[in-house]
């Protein structure tokens, strides 16, 4: 039964990729490979890889970098041939689709997965926060696009980080150019997450879990003030007032 569920999730996602390629004008594998060699596309798509994936020769779902590249290439081929792109779906929507397929697969085989079987409420909050940002980014919210780039750098999802930063720069988010130019992106992102955590902590108890989410991202990369705030949030007795967040300078 587990194998059936796993195969079903994979085959449905691959079928959707085939439909996307068809809707984009059925580019050849060689055309897709050529388009995937653009600098801003996260992963090259060799013809042999495309053939294996689309013809069911691989047992696993393609990774997120490949999915992002596949979607970007389909959009560009459609644009180059004058086909409409509105119905192709955005990268954000396809990543959500990919996560849903991965979620179903993880539940079928009983493995731990952040998006499918989170261990506690804090990780459920992580999932909801990121999902909400993806939804808002898809609706055109520039700040959500930028925050996704920040988060993905700190979670090590480099292909997604590059994509979201590219979009943030295209939309002229005020922080995007500085982020793109820094030689220490993780340090930069940790500082941003600490600032986000402060904002949510100052908003009151209702936003405390989101503050923890951002503080933990920063703390995991050695941000000293984030480590202190996370410790304070973890140890304060229920019903007591927290010390005021340390202001940034």
C-alpha atoms as a PDB file:
ATOM      1  CA  UNK A   1       0.000   0.000   0.000  1.00  0.00           C
ATOM      2  CA  UNK A   2       2.810   2.427   0.866  1.00  0.00           C
ATOM      3  CA  UNK A   3       4.457   1.777  -2.505  1.00  0.00           C
ATOM      4  CA  UNK A   4       1.137   2.488  -4.255  1.00  0.00           C
ATOM      5  CA  UNK A   5       0.725   5.851  -2.487  1.00  0.00           C
ATOM      6  CA  UNK A   6       4.344   6.780  -3.149  1.00  0.00           C
ATOM      7  CA  UNK A   7       4.084   5.926  -6.842  1.00  0.00           C
ATOM      8  CA  UNK A   8       0.778   7.753  -7.103  1.00  0.00           C
ATOM      9  CA  UNK A   9       2.168  11.016  -5.706  1.00  0.00           C
ATOM     10  CA  UNK A  10       5.161  10.851  -8.031  1.00  0.00           C
ATOM     11  CA  UNK A  11       3.219   9.888 -11.151  1.00  0.00           C
ATOM     12  CA  UNK A  12       0.625  12.631 -10.630  1.00  0.00           C
ATOM     13  CA  UNK A  13       3.347  15.254 -10.272  1.00  0.00           C
ATOM     14  CA  UNK A  14       5.202  14.004 -13.363  1.00  0.00           C
ATOM     15  CA  UNK A  15       1.932  14.029 -15.319  1.00  0.00           C
ATOM     16  CA  UNK A  16       1.464  17.660 -14.310  1.00  0.00           C
ATOM     17  CA  UNK A  17       4.989  18.501 -15.524  1.00  0.00           C
ATOM     18  CA  UNK A  18       4.178  16.881 -18.871  1.00  0.00           C
ATOM     19  CA  UNK A  19       1.030  19.012 -19.141  1.00  0.00           C
ATOM     20  CA  UNK A  20       3.061  22.119 -18.334  1.00  0.00           C
ATOM     21  CA  UNK A  21       5.550  21.320 -21.092  1.00  0.00           C
ATOM     22  CA  UNK A  22       2.707  20.729 -23.549  1.00  0.00           C
ATOM     23  CA  UNK A  23       0.995  23.998 -22.584  1.00  0.00           C
ATOM     24  CA  UNK A  24       4.301  25.816 -23.117  1.00  0.00           C
ATOM     25  CA  UNK A  25       4.459  24.636 -26.729  1.00  0.00           C
ATOM     26  CA  UNK A  26       6.093  21.217 -26.273  1.00  0.00           C
ATOM     27  CA  UNK A  27       9.734  22.392 -26.410  1.00  0.00           C
ATOM     28  CA  UNK A  28      12.183  19.671 -27.365  1.00  0.00           C
ATOM     29  CA  UNK A  29      14.550  18.351 -24.750  1.00  0.00           C
ATOM     30  CA  UNK A  30      17.452  20.069 -26.492  1.00  0.00           C
ATOM     31  CA  UNK A  31      15.586  23.391 -26.499  1.00  0.00           C
ATOM     32  CA  UNK A  32      14.870  23.013 -22.798  1.00  0.00           C
ATOM     33  CA  UNK A  33      18.506  22.190 -22.097  1.00  0.00           C
ATOM     34  CA  UNK A  34      19.656  25.279 -23.979  1.00  0.00           C
ATOM     35  CA  UNK A  35      17.217  27.547 -22.110  1.00  0.00           C
ATOM     36  CA  UNK A  36      18.254  26.043 -18.775  1.00  0.00           C
ATOM     37  CA  UNK A  37      21.830  27.217 -19.273  1.00  0.00           C
ATOM     38  CA  UNK A  38      20.816  30.835 -18.601  1.00  0.00           C
ATOM     39  CA  UNK A  39      22.646  32.343 -15.642  1.00  0.00           C
ATOM     40  CA  UNK A  40      19.564  32.832 -13.459  1.00  0.00           C
ATOM     41  CA  UNK A  41      18.228  29.288 -13.942  1.00  0.00           C
ATOM     42  CA  UNK A  42      19.334  27.245 -10.920  1.00  0.00           C
ATOM     43  CA  UNK A  43      19.969  23.894 -12.597  1.00  0.00           C
ATOM     44  CA  UNK A  44      20.804  22.668 -16.093  1.00  0.00           C
ATOM     45  CA  UNK A  45      18.338  20.252 -17.638  1.00  0.00           C
ATOM     46  CA  UNK A  46      20.233  17.735 -19.792  1.00  0.00           C
ATOM     47  CA  UNK A  47      18.098  15.934 -22.343  1.00  0.00           C
ATOM     48  CA  UNK A  48      18.833  12.576 -20.716  1.00  0.00           C
ATOM     49  CA  UNK A  49      17.603  13.840 -17.332  1.00  0.00           C
ATOM     50  CA  UNK A  50      14.412  15.217 -18.824  1.00  0.00           C
ATOM     51  CA  UNK A  51      13.805  11.969 -20.669  1.00  0.00           C
ATOM     52  CA  UNK A  52      14.291   9.877 -17.523  1.00  0.00           C
ATOM     53  CA  UNK A  53      12.000  12.044 -15.393  1.00  0.00           C
ATOM     54  CA  UNK A  54       9.178  12.542 -17.863  1.00  0.00           C
ATOM     55  CA  UNK A  55       9.142   8.898 -18.896  1.00  0.00           C
ATOM     56  CA  UNK A  56       9.010   7.480 -15.391  1.00  0.00           C
ATOM     57  CA  UNK A  57      12.535   6.091 -15.286  1.00  0.00           C
ATOM     58  CA  UNK A  58      13.248   7.591 -11.851  1.00  0.00           C
ATOM     59  CA  UNK A  59      11.637   6.399  -8.641  1.00  0.00           C
ATOM     60  CA  UNK A  60      11.923   9.684  -6.755  1.00  0.00           C
ATOM     61  CA  UNK A  61      10.381  13.084  -7.267  1.00  0.00           C
ATOM     62  CA  UNK A  62      12.696  15.557  -8.993  1.00  0.00           C
ATOM     63  CA  UNK A  63      14.411  17.930  -6.576  1.00  0.00           C
ATOM     64  CA  UNK A  64      13.219  21.495  -6.077  1.00  0.00           C
ATOM     65  CA  UNK A  65      16.052  23.010  -8.163  1.00  0.00           C
ATOM     66  CA  UNK A  66      15.027  20.910 -11.129  1.00  0.00           C
ATOM     67  CA  UNK A  67      11.364  21.850 -10.685  1.00  0.00           C
ATOM     68  CA  UNK A  68      12.206  25.570 -10.546  1.00  0.00           C
ATOM     69  CA  UNK A  69      14.357  25.235 -13.665  1.00  0.00           C
ATOM     70  CA  UNK A  70      11.701  23.243 -15.510  1.00  0.00           C
ATOM     71  CA  UNK A  71       9.018  25.849 -14.802  1.00  0.00           C
ATOM     72  CA  UNK A  72      11.275  28.779 -15.733  1.00  0.00           C
ATOM     73  CA  UNK A  73      12.281  27.111 -18.991  1.00  0.00           C
ATOM     74  CA  UNK A  74       8.670  26.361 -19.925  1.00  0.00           C
ATOM     75  CA  UNK A  75       7.719  29.988 -19.294  1.00  0.00           C
ATOM     76  CA  UNK A  76      10.574  31.253 -21.441  1.00  0.00           C
ATOM     77  CA  UNK A  77       9.805  28.914 -24.303  1.00  0.00           C
ATOM     78  CA  UNK A  78       6.158  29.963 -24.233  1.00  0.00           C
ATOM     79  CA  UNK A  79       7.159  33.635 -24.235  1.00  0.00           C
ATOM     80  CA  UNK A  80       9.577  33.129 -27.129  1.00  0.00           C
ATOM     81  CA  UNK A  81       6.882  31.482 -29.246  1.00  0.00           C
ATOM     82  CA  UNK A  82       4.136  33.964 -28.392  1.00  0.00           C
ATOM     83  CA  UNK A  83       2.081  31.580 -26.278  1.00  0.00           C
ATOM     84  CA  UNK A  84       0.215  32.893 -23.210  1.00  0.00           C
ATOM     85  CA  UNK A  85       1.912  32.183 -19.883  1.00  0.00           C
ATOM     86  CA  UNK A  86      -0.904  33.087 -17.515  1.00  0.00           C
ATOM     87  CA  UNK A  87      -2.113  29.504 -17.257  1.00  0.00           C
ATOM     88  CA  UNK A  88       1.293  27.901 -16.759  1.00  0.00           C
ATOM     89  CA  UNK A  89       1.492  28.570 -13.043  1.00  0.00           C
ATOM     90  CA  UNK A  90       4.165  30.516 -11.197  1.00  0.00           C
ATOM     91  CA  UNK A  91       7.300  29.030  -9.681  1.00  0.00           C
ATOM     92  CA  UNK A  92       5.770  29.575  -6.245  1.00  0.00           C
ATOM     93  CA  UNK A  93       2.665  27.624  -7.221  1.00  0.00           C
ATOM     94  CA  UNK A  94       4.736  24.778  -8.638  1.00  0.00           C
ATOM     95  CA  UNK A  95       6.880  24.615  -5.507  1.00  0.00           C
ATOM     96  CA  UNK A  96       3.699  24.356  -3.453  1.00  0.00           C
ATOM     97  CA  UNK A  97       2.561  21.531  -5.745  1.00  0.00           C
ATOM     98  CA  UNK A  98       5.946  19.811  -5.364  1.00  0.00           C
ATOM     99  CA  UNK A  99       5.775  20.088  -1.577  1.00  0.00           C
ATOM    100  CA  UNK A 100       2.283  18.616  -1.566  1.00  0.00           C
ATOM    101  CA  UNK A 101       3.525  15.627  -3.582  1.00  0.00           C
ATOM    102  CA  UNK A 102       6.518  15.244  -1.272  1.00  0.00           C
ATOM    103  CA  UNK A 103       4.210  15.495   1.746  1.00  0.00           C
ATOM    104  CA  UNK A 104       1.985  12.698   0.433  1.00  0.00           C
ATOM    105  CA  UNK A 105       5.011  10.555  -0.296  1.00  0.00           C
ATOM    106  CA  UNK A 106       6.460  11.092   3.193  1.00  0.00           C
ATOM    107  CA  UNK A 107       3.197  10.160   4.883  1.00  0.00           C
ATOM    108  CA  UNK A 108       2.956   7.016   2.759  1.00  0.00           C
ATOM    109  CA  UNK A 109       6.398   5.758   3.803  1.00  0.00           C
ATOM    110  CA  UNK A 110       6.160   7.024   7.371  1.00  0.00           C
ATOM    111  CA  UNK A 111       9.258   9.200   7.308  1.00  0.00           C
ATOM    112  CA  UNK A 112       9.788  12.525   9.015  1.00  0.00           C
ATOM    113  CA  UNK A 113       9.195  15.520   6.801  1.00  0.00           C
ATOM    114  CA  UNK A 114       8.930  19.146   7.861  1.00  0.00           C
ATOM    115  CA  UNK A 115       5.953  19.775   5.603  1.00  0.00           C
ATOM    116  CA  UNK A 116       4.139  16.511   6.318  1.00  0.00           C
ATOM    117  CA  UNK A 117       4.776  15.330   9.865  1.00  0.00           C
ATOM    118  CA  UNK A 118       6.168  18.191  11.937  1.00  0.00           C
ATOM    119  CA  UNK A 119       7.372  17.156  15.368  1.00  0.00           C
ATOM    120  CA  UNK A 120       5.758  19.937  17.389  1.00  0.00           C
ATOM    121  CA  UNK A 121       3.827  23.175  17.212  1.00  0.00           C
ATOM    122  CA  UNK A 122       6.947  25.255  16.586  1.00  0.00           C
ATOM    123  CA  UNK A 123       7.614  23.365  13.375  1.00  0.00           C
ATOM    124  CA  UNK A 124       3.965  23.595  12.384  1.00  0.00           C
ATOM    125  CA  UNK A 125       4.365  27.338  12.791  1.00  0.00           C
ATOM    126  CA  UNK A 126       7.436  27.204  10.518  1.00  0.00           C
ATOM    127  CA  UNK A 127       5.425  25.485   7.817  1.00  0.00           C
ATOM    128  CA  UNK A 128       2.496  27.880   8.113  1.00  0.00           C
ATOM    129  CA  UNK A 129       4.750  30.942   8.084  1.00  0.00           C
ATOM    130  CA  UNK A 130       6.577  29.884   4.929  1.00  0.00           C
ATOM    131  CA  UNK A 131       3.360  28.751   3.226  1.00  0.00           C
ATOM    132  CA  UNK A 132       1.736  32.101   4.003  1.00  0.00           C
ATOM    133  CA  UNK A 133       4.721  33.982   2.562  1.00  0.00           C
ATOM    134  CA  UNK A 134       4.612  31.880  -0.610  1.00  0.00           C
ATOM    135  CA  UNK A 135       0.906  32.618  -0.991  1.00  0.00           C
ATOM    136  CA  UNK A 136       1.400  36.358  -0.459  1.00  0.00           C
ATOM    137  CA  UNK A 137       4.385  36.397  -2.829  1.00  0.00           C
ATOM    138  CA  UNK A 138       2.222  34.767  -5.476  1.00  0.00           C
ATOM    139  CA  UNK A 139      -0.311  37.539  -4.940  1.00  0.00           C
ATOM    140  CA  UNK A 140       2.358  40.167  -5.655  1.00  0.00           C
ATOM    141  CA  UNK A 141       3.571  41.113  -2.166  1.00  0.00           C
ATOM    142  CA  UNK A 142       7.184  42.259  -2.579  1.00  0.00           C
ATOM    143  CA  UNK A 143       8.063  42.018   1.118  1.00  0.00           C
ATOM    144  CA  UNK A 144       7.046  38.353   1.198  1.00  0.00           C
ATOM    145  CA  UNK A 145       9.259  37.669  -1.830  1.00  0.00           C
ATOM    146  CA  UNK A 146      12.222  39.280  -0.060  1.00  0.00           C
ATOM    147  CA  UNK A 147      11.583  37.416   3.184  1.00  0.00           C
ATOM    148  CA  UNK A 148      11.463  34.117   1.344  1.00  0.00           C
ATOM    149  CA  UNK A 149      14.910  34.859  -0.104  1.00  0.00           C
ATOM    150  CA  UNK A 150      16.176  35.624   3.413  1.00  0.00           C
ATOM    151  CA  UNK A 151      14.662  32.454   4.890  1.00  0.00           C
ATOM    152  CA  UNK A 152      15.840  30.156   2.100  1.00  0.00           C
ATOM    153  CA  UNK A 153      19.445  31.335   2.461  1.00  0.00           C
ATOM    154  CA  UNK A 154      19.380  30.366   6.132  1.00  0.00           C
ATOM    155  CA  UNK A 155      17.685  27.019   5.541  1.00  0.00           C
ATOM    156  CA  UNK A 156      20.248  26.095   2.894  1.00  0.00           C
ATOM    157  CA  UNK A 157      17.729  25.942   0.035  1.00  0.00           C
ATOM    158  CA  UNK A 158      19.996  27.809  -2.336  1.00  0.00           C
ATOM    159  CA  UNK A 159      18.053  27.323  -5.553  1.00  0.00           C
ATOM    160  CA  UNK A 160      14.902  28.750  -4.013  1.00  0.00           C
ATOM    161  CA  UNK A 161      16.912  31.545  -2.384  1.00  0.00           C
ATOM    162  CA  UNK A 162      18.357  32.579  -5.741  1.00  0.00           C
ATOM    163  CA  UNK A 163      14.933  32.503  -7.348  1.00  0.00           C
ATOM    164  CA  UNK A 164      13.250  34.639  -4.676  1.00  0.00           C
ATOM    165  CA  UNK A 165      16.138  37.120  -4.603  1.00  0.00           C
ATOM    166  CA  UNK A 166      15.945  37.408  -8.396  1.00  0.00           C
ATOM    167  CA  UNK A 167      12.236  38.208  -8.143  1.00  0.00           C
ATOM    168  CA  UNK A 168      12.840  40.675  -5.296  1.00  0.00           C
ATOM    169  CA  UNK A 169      15.390  42.517  -7.424  1.00  0.00           C
ATOM    170  CA  UNK A 170      13.058  42.561 -10.402  1.00  0.00           C
ATOM    171  CA  UNK A 171      10.368  44.086  -8.194  1.00  0.00           C
ATOM    172  CA  UNK A 172      12.892  46.586  -6.801  1.00  0.00           C
ATOM    173  CA  UNK A 173      12.504  45.659  -3.162  1.00  0.00           C
ATOM    174  CA  UNK A 174      14.608  48.222  -1.231  1.00  0.00           C
ATOM    175  CA  UNK A 175      16.728  45.563   0.476  1.00  0.00           C
ATOM    176  CA  UNK A 176      17.291  43.271  -2.478  1.00  0.00           C
ATOM    177  CA  UNK A 177      20.335  44.943  -4.038  1.00  0.00           C
ATOM    178  CA  UNK A 178      22.220  45.088  -0.737  1.00  0.00           C
ATOM    179  CA  UNK A 179      21.393  41.439  -0.126  1.00  0.00           C
ATOM    180  CA  UNK A 180      22.574  40.453  -3.596  1.00  0.00           C
ATOM    181  CA  UNK A 181      25.807  42.449  -3.197  1.00  0.00           C
ATOM    182  CA  UNK A 182      26.881  41.191   0.223  1.00  0.00           C
ATOM    183  CA  UNK A 183      29.800  38.790   0.455  1.00  0.00           C
ATOM    184  CA  UNK A 184      28.281  37.296   3.624  1.00  0.00           C
ATOM    185  CA  UNK A 185      24.684  36.415   2.723  1.00  0.00           C
ATOM    186  CA  UNK A 186      24.050  34.200   5.763  1.00  0.00           C
ATOM    187  CA  UNK A 187      25.246  36.877   8.166  1.00  0.00           C
ATOM    188  CA  UNK A 188      23.143  39.469   6.353  1.00  0.00           C
ATOM    189  CA  UNK A 189      20.072  37.207   6.415  1.00  0.00           C
ATOM    190  CA  UNK A 190      20.548  36.402  10.105  1.00  0.00           C
ATOM    191  CA  UNK A 191      20.528  40.104  10.903  1.00  0.00           C
ATOM    192  CA  UNK A 192      17.334  40.566   8.947  1.00  0.00           C
ATOM    193  CA  UNK A 193      15.684  37.652  10.739  1.00  0.00           C
ATOM    194  CA  UNK A 194      16.670  39.079  14.107  1.00  0.00           C
ATOM    195  CA  UNK A 195      14.997  42.352  13.139  1.00  0.00           C
ATOM    196  CA  UNK A 196      11.858  40.489  12.028  1.00  0.00           C
ATOM    197  CA  UNK A 197      11.832  38.613  15.317  1.00  0.00           C
ATOM    198  CA  UNK A 198      11.996  41.870  17.274  1.00  0.00           C
ATOM    199  CA  UNK A 199       9.075  43.283  15.330  1.00  0.00           C
ATOM    200  CA  UNK A 200       6.904  40.247  16.039  1.00  0.00           C
ATOM    201  CA  UNK A 201       7.936  40.006  19.684  1.00  0.00           C
ATOM    202  CA  UNK A 202       7.035  43.644  20.242  1.00  0.00           C
ATOM    203  CA  UNK A 203       3.611  42.960  18.692  1.00  0.00           C
ATOM    204  CA  UNK A 204       2.641  40.861  21.718  1.00  0.00           C
ATOM    205  CA  UNK A 205       1.975  37.292  22.770  1.00  0.00           C
ATOM    206  CA  UNK A 206      -0.146  36.500  19.710  1.00  0.00           C
ATOM    207  CA  UNK A 207       2.949  36.882  17.508  1.00  0.00           C
ATOM    208  CA  UNK A 208       5.407  35.179  19.843  1.00  0.00           C
ATOM    209  CA  UNK A 209       5.679  31.946  17.862  1.00  0.00           C
ATOM    210  CA  UNK A 210       6.497  33.854  14.684  1.00  0.00           C
ATOM    211  CA  UNK A 211       9.138  35.781  16.637  1.00  0.00           C
ATOM    212  CA  UNK A 212      10.611  32.449  17.761  1.00  0.00           C
ATOM    213  CA  UNK A 213      10.681  31.262  14.162  1.00  0.00           C
ATOM    214  CA  UNK A 214      12.769  34.229  13.011  1.00  0.00           C
ATOM    215  CA  UNK A 215      14.965  34.278  16.116  1.00  0.00           C
ATOM    216  CA  UNK A 216      15.763  30.589  15.670  1.00  0.00           C
ATOM    217  CA  UNK A 217      16.800  31.088  12.049  1.00  0.00           C
ATOM    218  CA  UNK A 218      19.184  33.833  13.154  1.00  0.00           C
ATOM    219  CA  UNK A 219      20.366  31.954  16.258  1.00  0.00           C
ATOM    220  CA  UNK A 220      21.181  28.853  14.240  1.00  0.00           C
ATOM    221  CA  UNK A 221      23.669  30.995  12.327  1.00  0.00           C
ATOM    222  CA  UNK A 222      25.322  32.431  15.427  1.00  0.00           C
ATOM    223  CA  UNK A 223      23.518  35.758  15.830  1.00  0.00           C
ATOM    224  CA  UNK A 224      24.242  36.555  19.516  1.00  0.00           C
ATOM    225  CA  UNK A 225      21.233  38.767  20.211  1.00  0.00           C
ATOM    226  CA  UNK A 226      18.901  36.272  18.585  1.00  0.00           C
ATOM    227  CA  UNK A 227      20.347  33.519  20.778  1.00  0.00           C
ATOM    228  CA  UNK A 228      19.628  35.636  23.852  1.00  0.00           C
ATOM    229  CA  UNK A 229      16.079  36.489  22.830  1.00  0.00           C
ATOM    230  CA  UNK A 230      15.323  32.868  21.972  1.00  0.00           C
ATOM    231  CA  UNK A 231      16.629  31.808  25.381  1.00  0.00           C
ATOM    232  CA  UNK A 232      14.430  34.418  27.066  1.00  0.00           C
ATOM    233  CA  UNK A 233      11.340  33.284  25.180  1.00  0.00           C
ATOM    234  CA  UNK A 234      11.999  29.667  26.103  1.00  0.00           C
ATOM    235  CA  UNK A 235      12.614  30.186  29.820  1.00  0.00           C
ATOM    236  CA  UNK A 236      10.185  32.913  30.882  1.00  0.00           C
ATOM    237  CA  UNK A 237       7.458  31.512  33.208  1.00  0.00           C
ATOM    238  CA  UNK A 238       3.941  31.430  31.818  1.00  0.00           C
ATOM    239  CA  UNK A 239       2.058  34.638  32.530  1.00  0.00           C
ATOM    240  CA  UNK A 240       5.163  36.717  33.260  1.00  0.00           C
ATOM    241  CA  UNK A 241       6.237  39.709  31.224  1.00  0.00           C
ATOM    242  CA  UNK A 242       9.222  39.247  28.967  1.00  0.00           C
ATOM    243  CA  UNK A 243      12.179  41.624  29.163  1.00  0.00           C
ATOM    244  CA  UNK A 244      12.044  44.246  26.443  1.00  0.00           C
ATOM    245  CA  UNK A 245      13.782  43.249  23.200  1.00  0.00           C
ATOM    246  CA  UNK A 246      17.226  44.740  22.756  1.00  0.00           C
ATOM    247  CA  UNK A 247      16.924  47.609  20.272  1.00  0.00           C
ATOM    248  CA  UNK A 248      19.035  47.453  17.122  1.00  0.00           C
ATOM    249  CA  UNK A 249      21.391  50.289  16.369  1.00  0.00           C
END
